[in-house]
Amino acid sequence: MPNLDDKRKDHRSYFKNYLPIEVDCQTIDTNFCASALNLSQTGALIKTKNPLSAGQEIAMTFKIPDESNTIKATGEIIRANRSGVGVEFRIFFNY
């Protein structure tokens, strides 16, 4: 049986060489620029000093270096602390 930690690492491996990535973020209350410290197919760890809370919806736009497409994702903040937020993606667009 595969280890869940190994499975999570596999999802993040594609982006590992490009981190951190600049991310434009938008919530119902504010727009801000932040850095993605960890990025996977299912979510991201965003470094920000903005006061955000678990349960908030967030929209993000970013571009992977060496790729031509821009990625837009919406998700829910599932964890928040003073150094950043963990986001679980809900909708992921590649355009």
Protein backbone atom coordinates (compact mmCIF):
# COMPACT_ATOMS: atom_id res chain seq x y z
CA MET A 1 0.00 0.00 0.00
CA PRO A 2 1.46 3.41 -0.97
CA ASN A 3 2.41 5.82 1.78
CA LEU A 4 0.16 8.92 1.72
CA ASP A 5 3.15 11.21 2.32
CA ASP A 6 4.87 9.76 -0.77
CA LYS A 7 1.72 10.30 -2.84
CA ARG A 8 1.56 13.96 -1.73
CA LYS A 9 5.23 14.48 -2.59
CA ASP A 10 4.63 13.09 -6.09
CA HIS A 11 1.94 15.72 -6.75
CA ARG A 12 4.37 18.49 -5.77
CA SER A 13 7.43 17.22 -7.63
CA TYR A 14 6.63 18.91 -10.97
CA PHE A 15 6.67 22.40 -9.47
CA LYS A 16 9.55 21.92 -7.01
CA ASN A 17 12.23 23.47 -9.25
CA TYR A 18 10.18 26.62 -9.81
CA LEU A 19 9.31 27.59 -6.24
CA PRO A 20 8.63 30.16 -4.93
CA ILE A 21 6.20 31.43 -7.57
CA GLU A 22 4.62 34.88 -7.55
CA VAL A 23 0.84 34.63 -7.14
CA ASP A 24 -1.79 37.32 -7.58
CA CYS A 25 -4.53 36.65 -5.02
CA GLN A 26 -8.04 37.93 -4.56
CA THR A 27 -10.55 37.43 -1.76
CA ILE A 28 -13.89 39.13 -1.26
CA ASP A 29 -12.10 41.69 0.94
CA THR A 30 -8.76 42.34 -0.74
CA ASN A 31 -6.34 41.86 -3.64
CA PHE A 32 -2.69 41.15 -2.96
CA CYS A 33 0.50 39.66 -4.35
CA ALA A 34 2.09 36.72 -2.52
CA SER A 35 4.51 33.82 -2.99
CA ALA A 36 3.58 30.16 -3.40
CA LEU A 37 6.06 28.21 -1.28
CA ASN A 38 4.49 24.86 -2.09
CA LEU A 39 2.33 24.03 -5.08
CA SER A 40 0.60 20.84 -6.17
CA GLN A 41 -2.29 19.68 -8.33
CA THR A 42 -4.61 19.92 -5.35
CA GLY A 43 -3.50 23.06 -3.53
CA ALA A 44 -0.86 25.53 -2.46
CA LEU A 45 0.91 27.02 0.53
CA ILE A 46 0.84 30.79 0.11
CA LYS A 47 3.17 33.05 2.11
CA THR A 48 1.33 36.23 3.08
CA LYS A 49 1.03 38.61 6.00
CA ASN A 50 -2.59 39.44 5.07
CA PRO A 51 -5.09 38.48 7.79
CA LEU A 52 -6.97 35.58 6.18
CA SER A 53 -9.10 32.88 7.80
CA ALA A 54 -9.84 29.22 7.22
CA GLY A 55 -13.05 28.87 5.23
CA GLN A 56 -12.48 31.95 3.04
CA GLU A 57 -12.68 31.58 -0.72
CA ILE A 58 -9.63 32.75 -2.66
CA ALA A 59 -8.82 33.20 -6.36
CA MET A 60 -5.23 32.99 -7.57
CA THR A 61 -3.49 33.70 -10.86
CA PHE A 62 0.06 32.58 -11.54
CA LYS A 63 2.43 31.48 -14.26
CA ILE A 64 4.89 28.61 -14.04
CA PRO A 65 8.33 29.74 -15.28
CA ASP A 66 9.20 28.35 -18.72
CA GLU A 67 5.50 27.71 -19.47
CA SER A 68 3.43 29.84 -21.81
CA ASN A 69 0.04 29.40 -20.12
CA THR A 70 -1.33 31.36 -17.20
CA ILE A 71 -3.09 29.39 -14.48
CA LYS A 72 -6.14 30.65 -12.62
CA ALA A 73 -7.38 28.69 -9.63
CA THR A 74 -10.07 29.18 -7.07
CA GLY A 75 -10.11 27.43 -3.76
CA GLU A 76 -10.79 27.47 -0.06
CA ILE A 77 -8.35 28.43 2.65
CA ILE A 78 -8.13 25.32 4.81
CA ARG A 79 -5.38 26.50 7.16
CA ALA A 80 -4.24 29.97 8.17
CA ASN A 81 -1.48 31.21 10.47
CA ARG A 82 0.67 34.31 10.74
CA SER A 83 3.09 33.20 8.01
CA GLY A 84 0.60 32.13 5.36
CA VAL A 85 -2.33 30.02 4.25
CA GLY A 86 -2.95 26.54 2.93
CA VAL A 87 -5.35 26.52 -0.02
CA GLU A 88 -7.26 23.56 -1.40
CA PHE A 89 -8.07 24.10 -5.08
CA ARG A 90 -11.71 23.82 -6.16
CA ILE A 91 -11.47 24.95 -9.80
CA PHE A 92 -8.28 25.07 -11.85
CA PHE A 93 -8.08 26.82 -15.27
CA ASN A 94 -5.12 26.72 -17.63
CA TYR A 95 -5.30 29.40 -20.33
